[in-house]
Amino acid sequence: MDTKRRRYFRLEDADGKELANGVFYNEGNVQVFWRVDRGYTAEQYASLNLVLDLMPGIAVLRLEDTEPESENSG
């Protein structure tokens, strides 16, 4: 089974306030699930660079490593 590896991410300002969150895939595409300026959303982008330009004030990108679903099932 071929599953996509994904990493959850959070974008924060310099004070640690969350500005956006979503999923970053190894292939480079990105899905944004929530933005402080729009609420819940289902935006898709071709690269992480485009996401970093979403709004002013982004100071921190936090990535949480996750395993593919096939490795989690047991």
C-alpha atoms as a PDB file:
ATOM      1  CA  MET A   1       0.000   0.000   0.000  1.00  0.00           C
ATOM      2  CA  ASP A   2       1.395   3.365  -1.018  1.00  0.00           C
ATOM      3  CA  THR A   3       0.385   6.099   1.448  1.00  0.00           C
ATOM      4  CA  LYS A   4       1.483   9.695   1.606  1.00  0.00           C
ATOM      5  CA  ARG A   5       3.663  10.742   4.493  1.00  0.00           C
ATOM      6  CA  ARG A   6       2.379  13.948   6.025  1.00  0.00           C
ATOM      7  CA  ARG A   7       3.481  16.401   8.674  1.00  0.00           C
ATOM      8  CA  TYR A   8       1.142  18.638  10.581  1.00  0.00           C
ATOM      9  CA  PHE A   9       2.298  22.238  10.795  1.00  0.00           C
ATOM     10  CA  ARG A  10       1.502  25.398  12.705  1.00  0.00           C
ATOM     11  CA  LEU A  11       2.390  28.939  11.741  1.00  0.00           C
ATOM     12  CA  GLU A  12       2.897  31.290  14.682  1.00  0.00           C
ATOM     13  CA  ASP A  13       3.764  34.921  15.242  1.00  0.00           C
ATOM     14  CA  ALA A  14       6.712  36.064  17.381  1.00  0.00           C
ATOM     15  CA  ASP A  15       4.549  35.870  20.534  1.00  0.00           C
ATOM     16  CA  GLY A  16       3.577  32.227  19.906  1.00  0.00           C
ATOM     17  CA  LYS A  17       0.019  32.996  18.756  1.00  0.00           C
ATOM     18  CA  GLU A  18      -1.178  30.471  16.174  1.00  0.00           C
ATOM     19  CA  LEU A  19      -1.892  32.066  12.791  1.00  0.00           C
ATOM     20  CA  ALA A  20      -2.630  28.948  10.706  1.00  0.00           C
ATOM     21  CA  ASN A  21      -2.399  25.151  10.729  1.00  0.00           C
ATOM     22  CA  GLY A  22      -2.618  22.291   8.278  1.00  0.00           C
ATOM     23  CA  VAL A  23      -0.732  19.421   6.668  1.00  0.00           C
ATOM     24  CA  PHE A  24       2.490  19.404   4.633  1.00  0.00           C
ATOM     25  CA  TYR A  25       3.046  16.386   2.346  1.00  0.00           C
ATOM     26  CA  ASN A  26       6.489  15.070   1.297  1.00  0.00           C
ATOM     27  CA  GLU A  27       5.534  15.685  -2.339  1.00  0.00           C
ATOM     28  CA  GLY A  28       5.517  19.387  -1.500  1.00  0.00           C
ATOM     29  CA  ASN A  29       1.808  20.158  -1.582  1.00  0.00           C
ATOM     30  CA  VAL A  30       0.146  21.762   1.428  1.00  0.00           C
ATOM     31  CA  GLN A  31      -3.371  21.846   2.847  1.00  0.00           C
ATOM     32  CA  VAL A  32      -4.378  24.652   5.204  1.00  0.00           C
ATOM     33  CA  PHE A  33      -7.155  23.696   7.630  1.00  0.00           C
ATOM     34  CA  TRP A  34      -7.447  26.866   9.711  1.00  0.00           C
ATOM     35  CA  ARG A  35      -6.354  30.508   9.471  1.00  0.00           C
ATOM     36  CA  VAL A  36      -6.757  33.199  12.106  1.00  0.00           C
ATOM     37  CA  ASP A  37      -8.016  35.664   9.481  1.00  0.00           C
ATOM     38  CA  ARG A  38     -10.538  33.299   7.824  1.00  0.00           C
ATOM     39  CA  GLY A  39     -11.400  30.552  10.302  1.00  0.00           C
ATOM     40  CA  TYR A  40     -11.743  26.966   9.109  1.00  0.00           C
ATOM     41  CA  THR A  41     -10.803  26.535   5.470  1.00  0.00           C
ATOM     42  CA  ALA A  42      -9.790  23.901   2.928  1.00  0.00           C
ATOM     43  CA  GLU A  43      -7.088  25.709   0.984  1.00  0.00           C
ATOM     44  CA  GLN A  44      -4.552  23.782  -1.065  1.00  0.00           C
ATOM     45  CA  TYR A  45      -1.188  25.067  -2.227  1.00  0.00           C
ATOM     46  CA  ALA A  46       1.542  23.632  -4.441  1.00  0.00           C
ATOM     47  CA  SER A  47       4.386  24.499  -2.059  1.00  0.00           C
ATOM     48  CA  LEU A  48       5.172  25.539   1.480  1.00  0.00           C
ATOM     49  CA  ASN A  49       6.631  28.825   0.219  1.00  0.00           C
ATOM     50  CA  LEU A  50       3.176  29.946  -0.881  1.00  0.00           C
ATOM     51  CA  VAL A  51       1.794  29.225   2.588  1.00  0.00           C
ATOM     52  CA  LEU A  52       4.514  31.270   4.280  1.00  0.00           C
ATOM     53  CA  ASP A  53       3.335  34.278   2.246  1.00  0.00           C
ATOM     54  CA  LEU A  54      -0.290  33.928   3.411  1.00  0.00           C
ATOM     55  CA  MET A  55      -0.185  36.719   5.945  1.00  0.00           C
ATOM     56  CA  PRO A  56       2.231  39.152   7.557  1.00  0.00           C
ATOM     57  CA  GLY A  57       3.704  38.363  10.940  1.00  0.00           C
ATOM     58  CA  ILE A  58       4.617  34.698  10.505  1.00  0.00           C
ATOM     59  CA  ALA A  59       7.752  34.119  12.585  1.00  0.00           C
ATOM     60  CA  VAL A  60       7.652  30.384  13.395  1.00  0.00           C
ATOM     61  CA  LEU A  61       6.893  27.261  11.363  1.00  0.00           C
ATOM     62  CA  ARG A  62       6.406  24.188  13.589  1.00  0.00           C
ATOM     63  CA  LEU A  63       6.363  20.738  11.980  1.00  0.00           C
ATOM     64  CA  GLU A  64       5.090  17.636  13.754  1.00  0.00           C
ATOM     65  CA  ASP A  65       6.410  14.459  12.149  1.00  0.00           C
ATOM     66  CA  THR A  66       3.797  11.752  11.547  1.00  0.00           C
ATOM     67  CA  GLU A  67       4.078   8.238  10.214  1.00  0.00           C
ATOM     68  CA  PRO A  68       2.169   6.937   7.185  1.00  0.00           C
ATOM     69  CA  GLU A  69      -1.141   5.295   8.101  1.00  0.00           C
ATOM     70  CA  SER A  70       0.086   1.856   6.964  1.00  0.00           C
ATOM     71  CA  GLU A  71       2.888   1.967   9.565  1.00  0.00           C
ATOM     72  CA  ASN A  72       0.480   2.958  12.357  1.00  0.00           C
ATOM     73  CA  SER A  73      -1.920   0.095  11.804  1.00  0.00           C
ATOM     74  CA  GLY A  74      -0.849  -2.883  13.462  1.00  0.00           C
END
